Amino acid sequence: MIEKTIERFKEPEPTETAYDRKIKIKEEKIQRRLKGKVIIKGKEVPWEQSRQGLTKTYINEDNWDEIATPDWEIFIQRILKHSGCHIHQGGLVIHVLEGKGYSIVDSQRFDWEQGDLIILPIKPGGVKHQHFNTGPDSPVMWMAFRYETMLDQVCVGITQVEAHPDWAGPRAKK
């Protein structure tokens, strides 16, 4: 007679799966957003001179983990004469807060003034644009909004064509 021996092995402890990690990461994001900043104080946001102009950036990838609604880029630009000129895929919405001027978008002029909305279309190959102030006595101020998650889908890249006249290059951090 042949004896049959049955060995029982302890089942392995369940391990965290990729699905479990995904759920955990999403929950952590939700919690960060629920506890994120609801107010960003303008006086706490510095003005920075860039290739494109004098800019005050309220929201961008640098602070998405701190705020209630990430994935946006929101900034104000102040224009005395004109901005820099660059090309990107578009998808930018600009609300003119103060002043009067015009934008050159793919060689076409569009005039605007305080209260107007400038909408750069999303185009393959990008949209070349530059903004000009026509009021000699006061600066133009506008606020721009870009939904980065959507723009990632169209592979947004930026090509600087002409730098702002006040751009002197990056400064070393102290």
Protein backbone atom coordinates (compact mmCIF):
# COMPACT_ATOMS: atom_id res chain seq x y z
CA MET A 1 0.00 0.00 0.00
CA ILE A 2 1.29 3.42 -1.00
CA GLU A 3 0.92 6.11 1.52
CA LYS A 4 0.13 9.53 0.28
CA THR A 5 1.52 12.43 2.21
CA ILE A 6 -0.08 15.78 1.81
CA GLU A 7 1.94 18.75 2.82
CA ARG A 8 0.23 21.93 3.61
CA PHE A 9 2.02 25.18 2.95
CA LYS A 10 1.10 28.39 4.61
CA GLU A 11 -0.37 30.73 2.06
CA PRO A 12 1.78 33.78 1.47
CA GLU A 13 0.71 36.98 3.13
CA PRO A 14 -1.10 39.20 0.67
CA THR A 15 1.17 41.84 -0.84
CA GLU A 16 0.26 45.28 -2.02
CA THR A 17 -0.51 45.20 -5.73
CA ALA A 18 -0.02 47.90 -8.34
CA TYR A 19 -3.78 48.44 -8.18
CA ASP A 20 -3.62 48.91 -4.39
CA ARG A 21 -0.78 51.44 -4.77
CA LYS A 22 -2.75 53.34 -7.43
CA ILE A 23 -5.78 53.58 -5.13
CA LYS A 24 -3.55 54.72 -2.26
CA ILE A 25 -1.84 57.40 -4.38
CA LYS A 26 -5.21 58.70 -5.63
CA GLU A 27 -6.52 58.87 -2.06
CA GLU A 28 -3.41 60.75 -0.93
CA LYS A 29 -3.91 63.24 -3.80
CA ILE A 30 -7.54 63.74 -2.81
CA GLN A 31 -6.53 64.37 0.81
CA ARG A 32 -3.84 66.89 -0.24
CA ARG A 33 -6.41 68.73 -2.36
CA LEU A 34 -8.98 68.76 0.43
CA LYS A 35 -6.38 70.24 2.78
CA GLY A 36 -4.69 72.42 0.12
CA LYS A 37 -4.48 76.18 0.01
CA VAL A 38 -7.70 77.89 -0.94
CA ILE A 39 -6.19 81.39 -0.94
CA ILE A 40 -2.87 82.39 -2.44
CA LYS A 41 -1.95 85.86 -1.18
CA GLY A 42 -0.75 88.07 -4.03
CA LYS A 43 1.60 89.98 -1.73
CA GLU A 44 3.39 86.68 -0.99
CA VAL A 45 4.00 85.91 -4.68
CA PRO A 46 7.16 87.59 -6.04
CA TRP A 47 7.48 89.30 -9.41
CA GLU A 48 10.11 87.64 -11.61
CA GLN A 49 11.69 88.88 -14.80
CA SER A 50 11.76 86.10 -17.40
CA ARG A 51 12.41 85.78 -21.10
CA GLN A 52 8.71 86.43 -21.67
CA GLY A 53 8.22 89.39 -19.31
CA LEU A 54 7.68 90.51 -15.73
CA THR A 55 5.57 87.73 -14.24
CA LYS A 56 3.91 86.84 -10.95
CA THR A 57 3.21 83.08 -10.94
CA TYR A 58 0.44 82.02 -8.56
CA ILE A 59 0.13 78.36 -9.55
CA ASN A 60 2.46 76.03 -11.45
CA GLU A 61 4.06 72.61 -11.02
CA ASP A 62 6.20 73.98 -8.17
CA ASN A 63 3.23 74.29 -5.79
CA TRP A 64 0.68 71.74 -7.05
CA ASP A 65 1.14 69.63 -3.89
CA GLU A 66 0.18 72.62 -1.71
CA ILE A 67 -3.04 73.84 -3.33
CA ALA A 68 -6.65 72.71 -3.58
CA THR A 69 -6.76 72.71 -7.40
CA PRO A 70 -3.49 71.59 -9.01
CA ASP A 71 -2.77 70.98 -12.70
CA TRP A 72 -3.20 74.66 -13.59
CA GLU A 73 -0.67 77.32 -14.42
CA ILE A 74 -1.97 80.77 -13.44
CA PHE A 75 0.13 83.91 -13.64
CA ILE A 76 -0.05 87.67 -14.10
CA GLN A 77 2.13 89.48 -16.58
CA ARG A 78 2.93 93.19 -16.57
CA ILE A 79 3.79 94.72 -19.94
CA LEU A 80 5.27 98.20 -20.36
CA LYS A 81 6.09 97.99 -24.09
CA HIS A 82 5.85 94.37 -25.22
CA SER A 83 6.30 90.79 -24.06
CA GLY A 84 8.82 88.36 -25.42
CA CYS A 85 7.75 86.30 -28.41
CA HIS A 86 7.40 82.54 -28.28
CA ILE A 87 5.70 79.54 -29.82
CA HIS A 88 3.72 76.86 -28.00
CA GLN A 89 0.72 74.68 -28.83
CA GLY A 90 -1.75 77.25 -27.47
CA GLY A 91 -4.52 76.48 -25.04
CA LEU A 92 -3.85 79.67 -23.09
CA VAL A 93 -6.63 81.96 -21.89
CA ILE A 94 -5.67 85.54 -20.94
CA HIS A 95 -7.92 87.98 -19.09
CA VAL A 96 -6.86 91.63 -19.53
CA LEU A 97 -6.97 93.22 -16.06
CA GLU A 98 -5.68 96.71 -16.95
CA GLY A 99 -4.65 98.61 -20.02
CA LYS A 100 -5.00 98.41 -23.75
CA GLY A 101 -2.94 96.77 -26.45
CA TYR A 102 -2.77 94.10 -29.10
CA SER A 103 -1.39 90.64 -29.71
CA ILE A 104 0.25 89.29 -32.82
CA VAL A 105 -0.89 85.68 -33.15
CA ASP A 106 0.57 83.83 -36.14
CA SER A 107 1.20 87.15 -37.94
CA GLN A 108 -2.37 88.41 -37.36
CA ARG A 109 -3.08 91.43 -35.12
CA PHE A 110 -5.81 91.28 -32.45
CA ASP A 111 -6.62 94.47 -30.48
CA TRP A 112 -7.85 94.20 -26.89
CA GLU A 113 -8.49 96.27 -23.77
CA GLN A 114 -9.32 95.93 -20.08
CA GLY A 115 -11.98 93.27 -19.49
CA ASP A 116 -11.31 91.39 -22.75
CA LEU A 117 -10.38 87.73 -23.01
CA ILE A 118 -7.61 86.55 -25.32
CA ILE A 119 -7.78 82.88 -26.31
CA LEU A 120 -4.82 81.21 -27.99
CA PRO A 121 -6.04 78.24 -30.02
CA ILE A 122 -4.48 74.80 -29.74
CA LYS A 123 -2.69 74.11 -33.01
CA PRO A 124 -0.31 71.42 -34.26
CA GLY A 125 3.10 73.01 -34.59
CA GLY A 126 2.16 75.73 -32.11
CA VAL A 127 1.01 79.33 -32.07
CA LYS A 128 3.57 82.12 -32.42
CA HIS A 129 2.50 85.11 -30.33
CA GLN A 130 3.62 88.35 -28.74
CA HIS A 131 1.71 91.01 -26.77
CA PHE A 132 2.06 94.80 -27.02
CA ASN A 133 0.99 97.75 -24.83
CA THR A 134 -0.49 100.72 -26.70
CA GLY A 135 -0.96 102.89 -23.60
CA PRO A 136 2.26 104.89 -23.17
CA ASP A 137 1.41 106.10 -19.66
CA SER A 138 0.41 102.87 -17.93
CA PRO A 139 1.33 99.19 -18.02
CA VAL A 140 -0.87 96.39 -19.27
CA MET A 141 -1.69 93.75 -16.69
CA TRP A 142 -3.21 90.43 -17.65
CA MET A 143 -3.79 87.09 -15.99
CA ALA A 144 -3.25 83.86 -17.90
CA PHE A 145 -4.77 80.42 -17.29
CA ARG A 146 -3.46 77.11 -18.69
CA TYR A 147 -4.82 73.68 -17.80
CA GLU A 148 -1.58 71.70 -17.90
CA THR A 149 -3.09 68.20 -17.79
CA MET A 150 -4.93 68.82 -21.05
CA LEU A 151 -1.88 70.46 -22.61
CA ASP A 152 0.30 67.47 -21.71
CA GLN A 153 -1.88 65.46 -24.10
CA VAL A 154 -0.89 67.70 -27.03
CA CYS A 155 2.82 67.64 -26.10
CA VAL A 156 3.21 71.31 -25.30
CA GLY A 157 6.69 72.65 -25.70
CA ILE A 158 7.89 76.25 -25.79
CA THR A 159 10.31 77.80 -28.27
CA GLN A 160 11.48 81.30 -27.36
CA VAL A 161 11.76 83.40 -30.53
CA GLU A 162 12.58 86.78 -28.97
CA ALA A 163 13.36 87.57 -25.33
CA HIS A 164 11.73 90.41 -23.39
CA PRO A 165 13.91 93.56 -23.60
CA ASP A 166 14.55 93.50 -19.82
CA TRP A 167 15.74 89.87 -19.75
CA ALA A 168 19.38 89.70 -18.67
CA GLY A 169 19.61 85.94 -18.22
CA PRO A 170 19.09 83.72 -15.18
CA ARG A 171 20.49 84.98 -11.91
CA ALA A 172 22.38 82.69 -9.57
CA LYS A 173 20.47 81.84 -6.39
CA LYS A 174 22.10 83.01 -3.17
